[in-house]
Amino acid sequence: MQIYTCIILLTYPLSKAIIFTIMAESLNWEASYAVALALRDAHPDVDMENVSLHMIFTWTIALAGFNDDPALANDDILLAIYQDWYEEIL
C-alpha cells in the first residue's frame, strides 16, 4: 500500500496548515477493478473488441502502480480485468 502525505495551506482567517494522509492501494492481480480503471485511463481510445488477454497482461504489468508477480497471472484474472474494463466504458 502506498501512502501519500498532502499539506494544504489555508489563508486568513485560519492561517494554519492541514496535513492529511491518503492511502492508495497498490495495483495487483487481486484488484481487477482497480487495474481495469487504470487501464481505461492509460488507454482511453482502445477498441475493446480488439483487445486480447495478452494485451491486458502486457499493459497491466507496465502500469506504474502495478506491484505483483507477473507469473501469477492466468486467463481467469485477465478475463476479470477485461470484463471490469468493458463494463466501465458502457
PDB file of N, CA and C in Angstrom:
ATOM      1  N   MET A   1       0.841  -1.166   0.000  1.00  0.00           N
ATOM      2  CA  MET A   1       0.000   0.000   0.000  1.00  0.00           C
ATOM      3  C   MET A   1       0.890   1.233   0.000  1.00  0.00           C
ATOM      4  N   GLN A   2       0.593   2.156  -0.876  1.00  0.00           N
ATOM      5  CA  GLN A   2       1.347   3.401  -0.932  1.00  0.00           C
ATOM      6  C   GLN A   2       0.651   4.442  -0.084  1.00  0.00           C
ATOM      7  N   ILE A   3       1.443   5.270   0.567  1.00  0.00           N
ATOM      8  CA  ILE A   3       0.889   6.320   1.407  1.00  0.00           C
ATOM      9  C   ILE A   3       1.417   7.652   0.914  1.00  0.00           C
ATOM     10  N   TYR A   4       0.506   8.588   0.715  1.00  0.00           N
ATOM     11  CA  TYR A   4       0.860   9.917   0.269  1.00  0.00           C
ATOM     12  C   TYR A   4       0.481  10.908   1.362  1.00  0.00           C
ATOM     13  N   THR A   5       1.334  11.867   1.627  1.00  0.00           N
ATOM     14  CA  THR A   5       1.024  12.908   2.595  1.00  0.00           C
ATOM     15  C   THR A   5       0.774  14.198   1.834  1.00  0.00           C
ATOM     16  N   CYS A   6      -0.332  14.844   2.146  1.00  0.00           N
ATOM     17  CA  CYS A   6      -0.701  16.090   1.491  1.00  0.00           C
ATOM     18  C   CYS A   6      -0.747  17.204   2.526  1.00  0.00           C
ATOM     19  N   ILE A   7      -0.282  18.353   2.148  1.00  0.00           N
ATOM     20  CA  ILE A   7      -0.331  19.518   3.026  1.00  0.00           C
ATOM     21  C   ILE A   7      -1.110  20.609   2.302  1.00  0.00           C
ATOM     22  N   ILE A   8      -2.117  21.113   2.972  1.00  0.00           N
ATOM     23  CA  ILE A   8      -2.909  22.204   2.416  1.00  0.00           C
ATOM     24  C   ILE A   8      -2.709  23.415   3.314  1.00  0.00           C
ATOM     25  N   LEU A   9      -2.271  24.507   2.732  1.00  0.00           N
ATOM     26  CA  LEU A   9      -2.091  25.745   3.483  1.00  0.00           C
ATOM     27  C   LEU A   9      -3.338  26.598   3.326  1.00  0.00           C
ATOM     28  N   LEU A  10      -3.915  26.958   4.441  1.00  0.00           N
ATOM     29  CA  LEU A  10      -5.115  27.776   4.430  1.00  0.00           C
ATOM     30  C   LEU A  10      -4.739  29.230   4.695  1.00  0.00           C
ATOM     31  N   THR A  11      -5.464  30.115   4.069  1.00  0.00           N
ATOM     32  CA  THR A  11      -5.193  31.541   4.264  1.00  0.00           C
ATOM     33  C   THR A  11      -6.136  32.126   5.314  1.00  0.00           C
ATOM     34  N   TYR A  12      -6.017  33.402   5.535  1.00  0.00           N
ATOM     35  CA  TYR A  12      -6.811  34.109   6.528  1.00  0.00           C
ATOM     36  C   TYR A  12      -8.265  33.695   6.451  1.00  0.00           C
ATOM     37  N   PRO A  13      -8.978  33.449   7.507  1.00  0.00           N
ATOM     38  CA  PRO A  13      -8.645  33.720   8.901  1.00  0.00           C
ATOM     39  C   PRO A  13      -7.977  32.550   9.605  1.00  0.00           C
ATOM     40  N   LEU A  14      -7.877  31.412   8.969  1.00  0.00           N
ATOM     41  CA  LEU A  14      -7.346  30.253   9.678  1.00  0.00           C
ATOM     42  C   LEU A  14      -5.822  30.236   9.740  1.00  0.00           C
ATOM     43  N   SER A  15      -5.190  30.581   8.660  1.00  0.00           N
ATOM     44  CA  SER A  15      -3.724  30.599   8.533  1.00  0.00           C
ATOM     45  C   SER A  15      -3.044  29.427   9.238  1.00  0.00           C
ATOM     46  N   LYS A  16      -3.539  28.286   8.989  1.00  0.00           N
ATOM     47  CA  LYS A  16      -2.962  27.051   9.536  1.00  0.00           C
ATOM     48  C   LYS A  16      -2.733  26.086   8.382  1.00  0.00           C
ATOM     49  N   ALA A  17      -1.988  25.087   8.637  1.00  0.00           N
ATOM     50  CA  ALA A  17      -1.771  24.049   7.636  1.00  0.00           C
ATOM     51  C   ALA A  17      -2.525  22.796   8.059  1.00  0.00           C
ATOM     52  N   ILE A  18      -3.167  22.198   7.122  1.00  0.00           N
ATOM     53  CA  ILE A  18      -3.840  20.930   7.371  1.00  0.00           C
ATOM     54  C   ILE A  18      -3.003  19.845   6.706  1.00  0.00           C
ATOM     55  N   ILE A  19      -2.667  18.838   7.477  1.00  0.00           N
ATOM     56  CA  ILE A  19      -1.889  17.724   6.952  1.00  0.00           C
ATOM     57  C   ILE A  19      -2.765  16.482   7.030  1.00  0.00           C
ATOM     58  N   PHE A  20      -2.899  15.805   5.914  1.00  0.00           N
ATOM     59  CA  PHE A  20      -3.665  14.569   5.926  1.00  0.00           C
ATOM     60  C   PHE A  20      -2.962  13.538   5.063  1.00  0.00           C
ATOM     61  N   THR A  21      -3.310  12.303   5.285  1.00  0.00           N
ATOM     62  CA  THR A  21      -2.665  11.195   4.592  1.00  0.00           C
ATOM     63  C   THR A  21      -3.691  10.476   3.724  1.00  0.00           C
ATOM     64  N   ILE A  22      -3.277  10.174   2.522  1.00  0.00           N
ATOM     65  CA  ILE A  22      -4.094   9.398   1.600  1.00  0.00           C
ATOM     66  C   ILE A  22      -3.398   8.061   1.400  1.00  0.00           C
ATOM     67  N   MET A  23      -4.131   6.992   1.619  1.00  0.00           N
ATOM     68  CA  MET A  23      -3.563   5.676   1.380  1.00  0.00           C
ATOM     69  C   MET A  23      -4.118   5.161   0.059  1.00  0.00           C
ATOM     70  N   ALA A  24      -3.244   4.879  -0.854  1.00  0.00           N
ATOM     71  CA  ALA A  24      -3.647   4.380  -2.166  1.00  0.00           C
ATOM     72  C   ALA A  24      -3.257   2.910  -2.282  1.00  0.00           C
ATOM     73  N   GLU A  25      -4.215   2.105  -2.667  1.00  0.00           N
ATOM     74  CA  GLU A  25      -3.965   0.680  -2.820  1.00  0.00           C
ATOM     75  C   GLU A  25      -3.085   0.459  -4.038  1.00  0.00           C
ATOM     76  N   SER A  26      -2.010  -0.313  -3.851  1.00  0.00           N
ATOM     77  CA  SER A  26      -1.177  -0.620  -4.999  1.00  0.00           C
ATOM     78  C   SER A  26      -1.920  -1.624  -5.878  1.00  0.00           C
ATOM     79  N   LEU A  27      -1.607  -1.615  -7.125  1.00  0.00           N
ATOM     80  CA  LEU A  27      -2.290  -2.494  -8.069  1.00  0.00           C
ATOM     81  C   LEU A  27      -1.679  -3.886  -8.027  1.00  0.00           C
ATOM     82  N   ASN A  28      -2.540  -4.888  -8.007  1.00  0.00           N
ATOM     83  CA  ASN A  28      -2.094  -6.278  -8.041  1.00  0.00           C
ATOM     84  C   ASN A  28      -3.167  -7.098  -8.744  1.00  0.00           C
ATOM     85  N   TRP A  29      -2.905  -8.370  -8.941  1.00  0.00           N
ATOM     86  CA  TRP A  29      -3.823  -9.214  -9.693  1.00  0.00           C
ATOM     87  C   TRP A  29      -5.180  -9.361  -9.023  1.00  0.00           C
ATOM     88  N   GLU A  30      -5.224  -9.270  -7.698  1.00  0.00           N
ATOM     89  CA  GLU A  30      -6.486  -9.413  -6.975  1.00  0.00           C
ATOM     90  C   GLU A  30      -7.390  -8.190  -7.121  1.00  0.00           C
ATOM     91  N   ALA A  31      -6.839  -7.066  -7.502  1.00  0.00           N
ATOM     92  CA  ALA A  31      -7.593  -5.822  -7.622  1.00  0.00           C
ATOM     93  C   ALA A  31      -7.997  -5.599  -9.079  1.00  0.00           C
ATOM     94  N   SER A  32      -8.789  -6.510  -9.627  1.00  0.00           N
ATOM     95  CA  SER A  32      -9.113  -6.445 -11.060  1.00  0.00           C
ATOM     96  C   SER A  32      -9.843  -5.154 -11.431  1.00  0.00           C
ATOM     97  N   TYR A  33     -10.726  -4.680 -10.566  1.00  0.00           N
ATOM     98  CA  TYR A  33     -11.457  -3.454 -10.884  1.00  0.00           C
ATOM     99  C   TYR A  33     -10.525  -2.248 -10.901  1.00  0.00           C
ATOM    100  N   ALA A  34      -9.624  -2.158  -9.930  1.00  0.00           N
ATOM    101  CA  ALA A  34      -8.663  -1.046  -9.893  1.00  0.00           C
ATOM    102  C   ALA A  34      -7.733  -1.096 -11.098  1.00  0.00           C
ATOM    103  N   VAL A  35      -7.317  -2.285 -11.473  1.00  0.00           N
ATOM    104  CA  VAL A  35      -6.471  -2.442 -12.661  1.00  0.00           C
ATOM    105  C   VAL A  35      -7.244  -2.025 -13.904  1.00  0.00           C
ATOM    106  N   ALA A  36      -8.499  -2.426 -13.986  1.00  0.00           N
ATOM    107  CA  ALA A  36      -9.328  -2.063 -15.139  1.00  0.00           C
ATOM    108  C   ALA A  36      -9.463  -0.551 -15.259  1.00  0.00           C
ATOM    109  N   LEU A  37      -9.662   0.131 -14.143  1.00  0.00           N
ATOM    110  CA  LEU A  37      -9.765   1.599 -14.179  1.00  0.00           C
ATOM    111  C   LEU A  37      -8.448   2.233 -14.613  1.00  0.00           C
ATOM    112  N   ALA A  38      -7.348   1.694 -14.142  1.00  0.00           N
ATOM    113  CA  ALA A  38      -6.035   2.218 -14.539  1.00  0.00           C
ATOM    114  C   ALA A  38      -5.785   1.990 -16.024  1.00  0.00           C
ATOM    115  N   LEU A  39      -6.184   0.830 -16.530  1.00  0.00           N
ATOM    116  CA  LEU A  39      -6.019   0.558 -17.962  1.00  0.00           C
ATOM    117  C   LEU A  39      -6.928   1.454 -18.794  1.00  0.00           C
ATOM    118  N   ARG A  40      -8.142   1.680 -18.323  1.00  0.00           N
ATOM    119  CA  ARG A  40      -9.068   2.576 -19.032  1.00  0.00           C
ATOM    120  C   ARG A  40      -8.461   3.974 -19.146  1.00  0.00           C
ATOM    121  N   ASP A  41      -7.843   4.445 -18.053  1.00  0.00           N
ATOM    122  CA  ASP A  41      -7.226   5.769 -18.074  1.00  0.00           C
ATOM    123  C   ASP A  41      -5.974   5.800 -18.949  1.00  0.00           C
ATOM    124  N   ALA A  42      -5.227   4.704 -18.962  1.00  0.00           N
ATOM    125  CA  ALA A  42      -3.988   4.648 -19.740  1.00  0.00           C
ATOM    126  C   ALA A  42      -4.234   4.449 -21.234  1.00  0.00           C
ATOM    127  N   HIS A  43      -5.366   3.834 -21.582  1.00  0.00           N
ATOM    128  CA  HIS A  43      -5.678   3.535 -22.987  1.00  0.00           C
ATOM    129  C   HIS A  43      -7.121   3.958 -23.286  1.00  0.00           C
ATOM    130  N   PRO A  44      -7.384   5.260 -23.285  1.00  0.00           N
ATOM    131  CA  PRO A  44      -8.771   5.727 -23.412  1.00  0.00           C
ATOM    132  C   PRO A  44      -9.408   5.482 -24.783  1.00  0.00           C
ATOM    133  N   ASP A  45      -8.626   5.363 -25.820  1.00  0.00           N
ATOM    134  CA  ASP A  45      -9.181   5.256 -27.169  1.00  0.00           C
ATOM    135  C   ASP A  45      -9.143   3.839 -27.735  1.00  0.00           C
ATOM    136  N   VAL A  46      -8.876   2.864 -26.897  1.00  0.00           N
ATOM    137  CA  VAL A  46      -8.743   1.493 -27.390  1.00  0.00           C
ATOM    138  C   VAL A  46     -10.118   0.927 -27.755  1.00  0.00           C
ATOM    139  N   ASP A  47     -10.142   0.127 -28.805  1.00  0.00           N
ATOM    140  CA  ASP A  47     -11.350  -0.595 -29.213  1.00  0.00           C
ATOM    141  C   ASP A  47     -11.348  -1.926 -28.468  1.00  0.00           C
ATOM    142  N   MET A  48     -12.243  -2.087 -27.510  1.00  0.00           N
ATOM    143  CA  MET A  48     -12.244  -3.266 -26.653  1.00  0.00           C
ATOM    144  C   MET A  48     -12.432  -4.564 -27.424  1.00  0.00           C
ATOM    145  N   GLU A  49     -13.048  -4.499 -28.580  1.00  0.00           N
ATOM    146  CA  GLU A  49     -13.239  -5.708 -29.378  1.00  0.00           C
ATOM    147  C   GLU A  49     -11.926  -6.237 -29.951  1.00  0.00           C
ATOM    148  N   ASN A  50     -10.902  -5.394 -29.974  1.00  0.00           N
ATOM    149  CA  ASN A  50      -9.606  -5.798 -30.500  1.00  0.00           C
ATOM    150  C   ASN A  50      -8.568  -6.035 -29.410  1.00  0.00           C
ATOM    151  N   VAL A  51      -8.990  -6.021 -28.152  1.00  0.00           N
ATOM    152  CA  VAL A  51      -8.064  -6.216 -27.036  1.00  0.00           C
ATOM    153  C   VAL A  51      -8.002  -7.705 -26.683  1.00  0.00           C
ATOM    154  N   SER A  52      -6.802  -8.241 -26.670  1.00  0.00           N
ATOM    155  CA  SER A  52      -6.605  -9.653 -26.315  1.00  0.00           C
ATOM    156  C   SER A  52      -6.178  -9.765 -24.852  1.00  0.00           C
ATOM    157  N   LEU A  53      -6.250 -10.964 -24.322  1.00  0.00           N
ATOM    158  CA  LEU A  53      -5.789 -11.177 -22.951  1.00  0.00           C
ATOM    159  C   LEU A  53      -4.287 -10.920 -22.832  1.00  0.00           C
ATOM    160  N   HIS A  54      -3.559 -11.212 -23.900  1.00  0.00           N
ATOM    161  CA  HIS A  54      -2.120 -10.918 -23.889  1.00  0.00           C
ATOM    162  C   HIS A  54      -1.877  -9.405 -23.780  1.00  0.00           C
ATOM    163  N   MET A  55      -2.681  -8.618 -24.460  1.00  0.00           N
ATOM    164  CA  MET A  55      -2.553  -7.159 -24.367  1.00  0.00           C
ATOM    165  C   MET A  55      -2.870  -6.695 -22.946  1.00  0.00           C
ATOM    166  N   ILE A  56      -3.929  -7.262 -22.358  1.00  0.00           N
ATOM    167  CA  ILE A  56      -4.283  -6.920 -20.975  1.00  0.00           C
ATOM    168  C   ILE A  56      -3.096  -7.217 -20.054  1.00  0.00           C
ATOM    169  N   PHE A  57      -2.486  -8.379 -20.225  1.00  0.00           N
ATOM    170  CA  PHE A  57      -1.338  -8.764 -19.415  1.00  0.00           C
ATOM    171  C   PHE A  57      -0.186  -7.773 -19.580  1.00  0.00           C
ATOM    172  N   THR A  58       0.174  -7.497 -20.824  1.00  0.00           N
ATOM    173  CA  THR A  58       1.303  -6.611 -21.118  1.00  0.00           C
ATOM    174  C   THR A  58       1.060  -5.210 -20.570  1.00  0.00           C
ATOM    175  N   TRP A  59      -0.118  -4.669 -20.807  1.00  0.00           N
ATOM    176  CA  TRP A  59      -0.440  -3.321 -20.332  1.00  0.00           C
ATOM    177  C   TRP A  59      -0.511  -3.259 -18.819  1.00  0.00           C
ATOM    178  N   THR A  60      -1.001  -4.325 -18.187  1.00  0.00           N
ATOM    179  CA  THR A  60      -1.133  -4.332 -16.726  1.00  0.00           C
ATOM    180  C   THR A  60       0.228  -4.312 -16.052  1.00  0.00           C
ATOM    181  N   ILE A  61       1.137  -5.169 -16.478  1.00  0.00           N
ATOM    182  CA  ILE A  61       2.444  -5.183 -15.820  1.00  0.00           C
ATOM    183  C   ILE A  61       3.248  -3.922 -16.115  1.00  0.00           C
ATOM    184  N   ALA A  62       2.848  -3.168 -17.142  1.00  0.00           N
ATOM    185  CA  ALA A  62       3.517  -1.911 -17.465  1.00  0.00           C
ATOM    186  C   ALA A  62       2.959  -0.724 -16.672  1.00  0.00           C
ATOM    187  N   LEU A  63       1.846  -0.905 -15.971  1.00  0.00           N
ATOM    188  CA  LEU A  63       1.265   0.197 -15.193  1.00  0.00           C
ATOM    189  C   LEU A  63       2.217   0.631 -14.083  1.00  0.00           C
ATOM    190  N   ALA A  64       2.303   1.918 -13.869  1.00  0.00           N
ATOM    191  CA  ALA A  64       3.240   2.468 -12.875  1.00  0.00           C
ATOM    192  C   ALA A  64       2.986   1.935 -11.470  1.00  0.00           C
ATOM    193  N   GLY A  65       1.736   1.752 -11.084  1.00  0.00           N
ATOM    194  CA  GLY A  65       1.433   1.319  -9.730  1.00  0.00           C
ATOM    195  C   GLY A  65       1.295  -0.179  -9.558  1.00  0.00           C
ATOM    196  N   PHE A  66       1.609  -0.952 -10.594  1.00  0.00           N
ATOM    197  CA  PHE A  66       1.424  -2.402 -10.505  1.00  0.00           C
ATOM    198  C   PHE A  66       2.581  -3.034  -9.754  1.00  0.00           C
ATOM    199  N   ASN A  67       2.256  -3.754  -8.673  1.00  0.00           N
ATOM    200  CA  ASN A  67       3.284  -4.354  -7.818  1.00  0.00           C
ATOM    201  C   ASN A  67       2.954  -5.805  -7.512  1.00  0.00           C
ATOM    202  N   ASP A  68       2.947  -6.647  -8.504  1.00  0.00           N
ATOM    203  CA  ASP A  68       2.668  -8.063  -8.265  1.00  0.00           C
ATOM    204  C   ASP A  68       3.520  -8.901  -9.217  1.00  0.00           C
ATOM    205  N   ASP A  69       3.600 -10.168  -8.934  1.00  0.00           N
ATOM    206  CA  ASP A  69       4.399 -11.086  -9.729  1.00  0.00           C
ATOM    207  C   ASP A  69       3.667 -11.406 -11.038  1.00  0.00           C
ATOM    208  N   PRO A  70       4.253 -11.076 -12.174  1.00  0.00           N
ATOM    209  CA  PRO A  70       3.601 -11.381 -13.457  1.00  0.00           C
ATOM    210  C   PRO A  70       3.302 -12.862 -13.644  1.00  0.00           C
ATOM    211  N   ALA A  71       4.066 -13.730 -13.013  1.00  0.00           N
ATOM    212  CA  ALA A  71       3.863 -15.168 -13.161  1.00  0.00           C
ATOM    213  C   ALA A  71       2.557 -15.642 -12.519  1.00  0.00           C
ATOM    214  N   LEU A  72       1.948 -14.816 -11.673  1.00  0.00           N
ATOM    215  CA  LEU A  72       0.697 -15.195 -11.011  1.00  0.00           C
ATOM    216  C   LEU A  72      -0.534 -14.975 -11.887  1.00  0.00           C
ATOM    217  N   ALA A  73      -0.358 -14.322 -13.015  1.00  0.00           N
ATOM    218  CA  ALA A  73      -1.491 -14.050 -13.909  1.00  0.00           C
ATOM    219  C   ALA A  73      -1.981 -15.337 -14.559  1.00  0.00           C
ATOM    220  N   ASN A  74      -3.293 -15.395 -14.764  1.00  0.00           N
ATOM    221  CA  ASN A  74      -3.871 -16.503 -15.519  1.00  0.00           C
ATOM    222  C   ASN A  74      -5.053 -15.965 -16.322  1.00  0.00           C
ATOM    223  N   ASP A  75      -5.626 -16.800 -17.155  1.00  0.00           N
ATOM    224  CA  ASP A  75      -6.705 -16.344 -18.033  1.00  0.00           C
ATOM    225  C   ASP A  75      -7.919 -15.837 -17.258  1.00  0.00           C
ATOM    226  N   ASP A  76      -8.228 -16.464 -16.127  1.00  0.00           N
ATOM    227  CA  ASP A  76      -9.385 -16.025 -15.328  1.00  0.00           C
ATOM    228  C   ASP A  76      -9.188 -14.608 -14.792  1.00  0.00           C
ATOM    229  N   ILE A  77      -8.000 -14.321 -14.308  1.00  0.00           N
ATOM    230  CA  ILE A  77      -7.693 -12.983 -13.787  1.00  0.00           C
ATOM    231  C   ILE A  77      -7.746 -11.960 -14.915  1.00  0.00           C
ATOM    232  N   LEU A  78      -7.121 -12.275 -16.035  1.00  0.00           N
ATOM    233  CA  LEU A  78      -7.087 -11.342 -17.165  1.00  0.00           C
ATOM    234  C   LEU A  78      -8.484 -11.120 -17.729  1.00  0.00           C
ATOM    235  N   LEU A  79      -9.297 -12.156 -17.756  1.00  0.00           N
ATOM    236  CA  LEU A  79     -10.674 -12.014 -18.226  1.00  0.00           C
ATOM    237  C   LEU A  79     -11.486 -11.145 -17.270  1.00  0.00           C
ATOM    238  N   ALA A  80     -11.266 -11.277 -15.962  1.00  0.00           N
ATOM    239  CA  ALA A  80     -11.961 -10.433 -14.977  1.00  0.00           C
ATOM    240  C   ALA A  80     -11.595  -8.961 -15.169  1.00  0.00           C
ATOM    241  N   ILE A  81     -10.325  -8.689 -15.444  1.00  0.00           N
ATOM    242  CA  ILE A  81      -9.883  -7.313 -15.711  1.00  0.00           C
ATOM    243  C   ILE A  81     -10.567  -6.801 -16.979  1.00  0.00           C
ATOM    244  N   TYR A  82     -10.567  -7.622 -18.021  1.00  0.00           N
ATOM    245  CA  TYR A  82     -11.211  -7.242 -19.281  1.00  0.00           C
ATOM    246  C   TYR A  82     -12.681  -6.920 -19.053  1.00  0.00           C
ATOM    247  N   GLN A  83     -13.386  -7.773 -18.337  1.00  0.00           N
ATOM    248  CA  GLN A  83     -14.823  -7.569 -18.103  1.00  0.00           C
ATOM    249  C   GLN A  83     -15.090  -6.299 -17.304  1.00  0.00           C
ATOM    250  N   ASP A  84     -14.284  -6.059 -16.263  1.00  0.00           N
ATOM    251  CA  ASP A  84     -14.444  -4.833 -15.474  1.00  0.00           C
ATOM    252  C   ASP A  84     -14.206  -3.599 -16.337  1.00  0.00           C
ATOM    253  N   TRP A  85     -13.189  -3.651 -17.179  1.00  0.00           N
ATOM    254  CA  TRP A  85     -12.871  -2.534 -18.057  1.00  0.00           C
ATOM    255  C   TRP A  85     -14.004  -2.322 -19.061  1.00  0.00           C
ATOM    256  N   TYR A  86     -14.461  -3.400 -19.661  1.00  0.00           N
ATOM    257  CA  TYR A  86     -15.533  -3.326 -20.651  1.00  0.00           C
ATOM    258  C   TYR A  86     -16.807  -2.726 -20.050  1.00  0.00           C
ATOM    259  N   GLU A  87     -17.158  -3.155 -18.847  1.00  0.00           N
ATOM    260  CA  GLU A  87     -18.351  -2.635 -18.180  1.00  0.00           C
ATOM    261  C   GLU A  87     -18.219  -1.159 -17.827  1.00  0.00           C
ATOM    262  N   GLU A  88     -17.014  -0.705 -17.582  1.00  0.00           N
ATOM    263  CA  GLU A  88     -16.789   0.697 -17.239  1.00  0.00           C
ATOM    264  C   GLU A  88     -16.976   1.634 -18.438  1.00  0.00           C
ATOM    265  N   ILE A  89     -16.749   1.131 -19.637  1.00  0.00           N
ATOM    266  CA  ILE A  89     -16.888   2.005 -20.799  1.00  0.00           C
ATOM    267  C   ILE A  89     -18.269   1.961 -21.433  1.00  0.00           C
ATOM    268  N   LEU A  90     -19.141   1.090 -20.933  1.00  0.00           N
ATOM    269  CA  LEU A  90     -20.507   1.025 -21.472  1.00  0.00           C
ATOM    270  C   LEU A  90     -21.323   2.229 -21.062  1.00  0.00           C
TER     271      LEU A  90
END
